[in-house]
Amino acid sequence: MAKTPLLLVPGMLCSPRLYAGQMAALAAQAEIVVPDWRRAPLAIWDSWESAARWVVGQMPACKFALAGLSLGGMLAVEIMQFAAERVTRLALLDTGVRGQNEAERAIRRARIRLANEGHFELVLACRWRASSRPTGYPTRSWSTR
């Protein structure tokens, strides 16, 4: 029986190791491809479409199943815009479905640039600080009164 081509798209700060368990468990059933963001040129982040096209470029020219986590899910949605006829199954995992505005693109490119320059600790610090604030609350100190 032929193996199913499967494209697993990781989130922004994830490497292909994210899917190591799935790759081992599905090795007999699927030919798995996981894009590695460390090998992606910075220019792919100019738009969702260019990033999605770079991801699809990792696959052989045939039909495939597609799963994306977080940012990978957003790119999977974009892939469906131009290559839906190639996608046999789709799984969106812990992701949002909306466009990326110019400010978000600039922040993402800056984070990628910092990581490429060897300052990954700054990328993590910025991500942690941004995600650690409770949503809907002011950013000033909390008062118990």
Protein backbone atom coordinates (compact mmCIF):
# COMPACT_ATOMS: atom_id res chain seq x y z
CA MET A 1 0.00 0.00 0.00
CA ALA A 2 1.34 3.44 -0.93
CA LYS A 3 2.18 5.83 1.86
CA THR A 4 0.17 9.05 2.15
CA PRO A 5 2.21 12.23 1.67
CA LEU A 6 1.69 14.30 4.83
CA LEU A 7 2.79 17.90 5.33
CA LEU A 8 3.07 18.86 9.02
CA VAL A 9 3.56 22.62 9.41
CA PRO A 10 4.99 23.68 12.80
CA GLY A 11 4.40 26.89 14.71
CA MET A 12 6.72 29.89 14.58
CA LEU A 13 9.20 28.97 17.31
CA CYS A 14 9.02 25.25 16.60
CA SER A 15 11.47 23.04 14.77
CA PRO A 16 10.71 19.74 13.03
CA ARG A 17 11.41 18.04 16.39
CA LEU A 18 7.91 19.14 17.40
CA TYR A 19 6.50 16.33 15.28
CA ALA A 20 9.05 13.62 16.21
CA GLY A 21 6.39 11.50 17.93
CA GLN A 22 3.98 11.73 15.03
CA MET A 23 6.75 10.98 12.54
CA ALA A 24 7.67 7.81 14.44
CA ALA A 25 4.07 6.70 14.94
CA LEU A 26 3.03 7.34 11.32
CA ALA A 27 6.20 6.17 9.55
CA ALA A 28 4.53 3.05 8.16
CA GLN A 29 1.51 4.95 6.79
CA ALA A 30 2.85 8.34 5.69
CA GLU A 31 5.70 10.06 3.88
CA ILE A 32 6.05 13.02 6.23
CA VAL A 33 7.54 16.40 5.39
CA VAL A 34 8.07 19.06 8.06
CA PRO A 35 9.35 22.47 6.94
CA ASP A 36 12.28 23.80 8.94
CA TRP A 37 11.95 27.55 9.59
CA ARG A 38 15.70 27.77 10.18
CA ARG A 39 16.22 27.04 6.48
CA ALA A 40 13.58 29.48 5.24
CA PRO A 41 14.73 32.72 3.64
CA LEU A 42 13.62 35.83 5.51
CA ALA A 43 11.80 37.06 2.39
CA ILE A 44 9.10 34.38 2.70
CA TRP A 45 7.59 36.38 5.56
CA ASP A 46 6.66 39.29 3.29
CA SER A 47 3.19 37.77 3.04
CA TRP A 48 1.19 34.75 4.15
CA GLU A 49 1.04 33.63 0.53
CA SER A 50 4.82 33.68 0.02
CA ALA A 51 5.36 31.73 3.26
CA ALA A 52 2.66 29.22 2.29
CA ARG A 53 4.16 28.78 -1.18
CA TRP A 54 7.58 28.12 0.36
CA VAL A 55 5.98 25.47 2.60
CA VAL A 56 4.17 23.77 -0.31
CA GLY A 57 7.44 23.85 -2.23
CA GLN A 58 8.76 21.29 0.26
CA MET A 59 6.26 18.71 -1.02
CA PRO A 60 6.45 16.51 -4.12
CA ALA A 61 4.08 17.58 -6.89
CA CYS A 62 1.18 15.37 -5.84
CA LYS A 63 -1.79 15.36 -3.48
CA PHE A 64 -1.07 15.39 0.25
CA ALA A 65 -2.68 15.56 3.68
CA LEU A 66 -1.99 18.80 5.57
CA ALA A 67 -1.83 19.66 9.28
CA GLY A 68 -0.69 22.93 10.81
CA LEU A 69 -0.11 24.03 14.39
CA SER A 70 -0.53 27.69 15.41
CA LEU A 71 1.27 29.72 12.71
CA GLY A 72 1.43 26.49 10.70
CA GLY A 73 -2.37 26.35 10.81
CA MET A 74 -2.61 29.90 9.50
CA LEU A 75 -0.32 28.92 6.64
CA ALA A 76 -2.42 25.78 6.03
CA VAL A 77 -5.46 28.02 5.54
CA GLU A 78 -3.45 30.10 3.06
CA ILE A 79 -2.36 26.92 1.24
CA MET A 80 -6.05 26.07 0.80
CA GLN A 81 -6.45 29.36 -1.09
CA PHE A 82 -4.15 28.32 -3.93
CA ALA A 83 -3.66 24.54 -3.67
CA ALA A 84 -6.93 23.12 -2.30
CA GLU A 85 -7.08 20.61 -5.16
CA ARG A 86 -3.84 19.04 -3.85
CA VAL A 87 -4.99 18.74 -0.21
CA THR A 88 -6.75 15.47 0.61
CA ARG A 89 -7.23 16.11 4.35
CA LEU A 90 -6.82 19.18 6.53
CA ALA A 91 -6.19 19.51 10.27
CA LEU A 92 -5.92 22.93 11.93
CA LEU A 93 -4.42 22.67 15.43
CA ASP A 94 -4.53 25.46 18.03
CA THR A 95 -4.63 28.22 15.44
CA GLY A 96 -6.46 31.36 14.49
CA VAL A 97 -7.82 32.20 11.09
CA ARG A 98 -7.26 35.82 10.18
CA GLY A 99 -4.98 37.95 8.07
CA GLN A 100 -1.69 39.36 9.24
CA ASN A 101 -1.48 43.16 9.44
CA GLU A 102 1.63 45.21 8.64
CA ALA A 103 2.61 45.65 12.30
CA GLU A 104 2.46 41.87 12.89
CA ARG A 105 4.55 41.26 9.77
CA ALA A 106 7.16 43.74 10.98
CA ILE A 107 7.31 42.14 14.44
CA ARG A 108 7.62 38.64 12.95
CA ARG A 109 10.42 39.73 10.61
CA ALA A 110 12.26 41.46 13.47
CA ARG A 111 12.05 38.30 15.58
CA ILE A 112 13.36 36.19 12.72
CA ARG A 113 16.21 38.65 12.16
CA LEU A 114 17.13 38.59 15.87
CA ALA A 115 17.16 34.80 15.88
CA ASN A 116 19.30 34.69 12.72
CA GLU A 117 21.76 37.10 14.35
CA GLY A 118 22.15 34.80 17.34
CA HIS A 119 19.86 36.67 19.78
CA PHE A 120 17.23 34.00 20.25
CA GLU A 121 17.04 34.75 23.99
CA LEU A 122 15.61 38.19 23.06
CA VAL A 123 12.99 36.57 20.84
CA LEU A 124 11.91 34.30 23.68
CA ALA A 125 11.92 37.15 26.21
CA CYS A 126 9.71 39.30 23.96
CA ARG A 127 7.32 36.41 23.29
CA TRP A 128 7.08 35.55 26.99
CA ARG A 129 6.50 39.13 28.06
CA ALA A 130 3.79 39.65 25.42
CA SER A 131 1.96 36.43 26.27
CA SER A 132 2.23 36.66 30.07
CA ARG A 133 -0.10 39.64 30.50
CA PRO A 134 -3.70 38.75 31.28
CA THR A 135 -5.90 39.81 28.39
CA GLY A 136 -8.45 42.52 28.97
CA TYR A 137 -6.56 44.01 31.93
CA PRO A 138 -4.44 47.16 32.09
CA THR A 139 -0.67 46.68 31.86
CA ARG A 140 -0.01 48.72 35.04
CA SER A 141 0.58 47.11 38.43
CA TRP A 142 -2.32 45.30 40.07
CA SER A 143 -3.72 46.61 43.31
CA THR A 144 -5.27 44.43 46.04
CA ARG A 145 -7.39 47.27 47.41
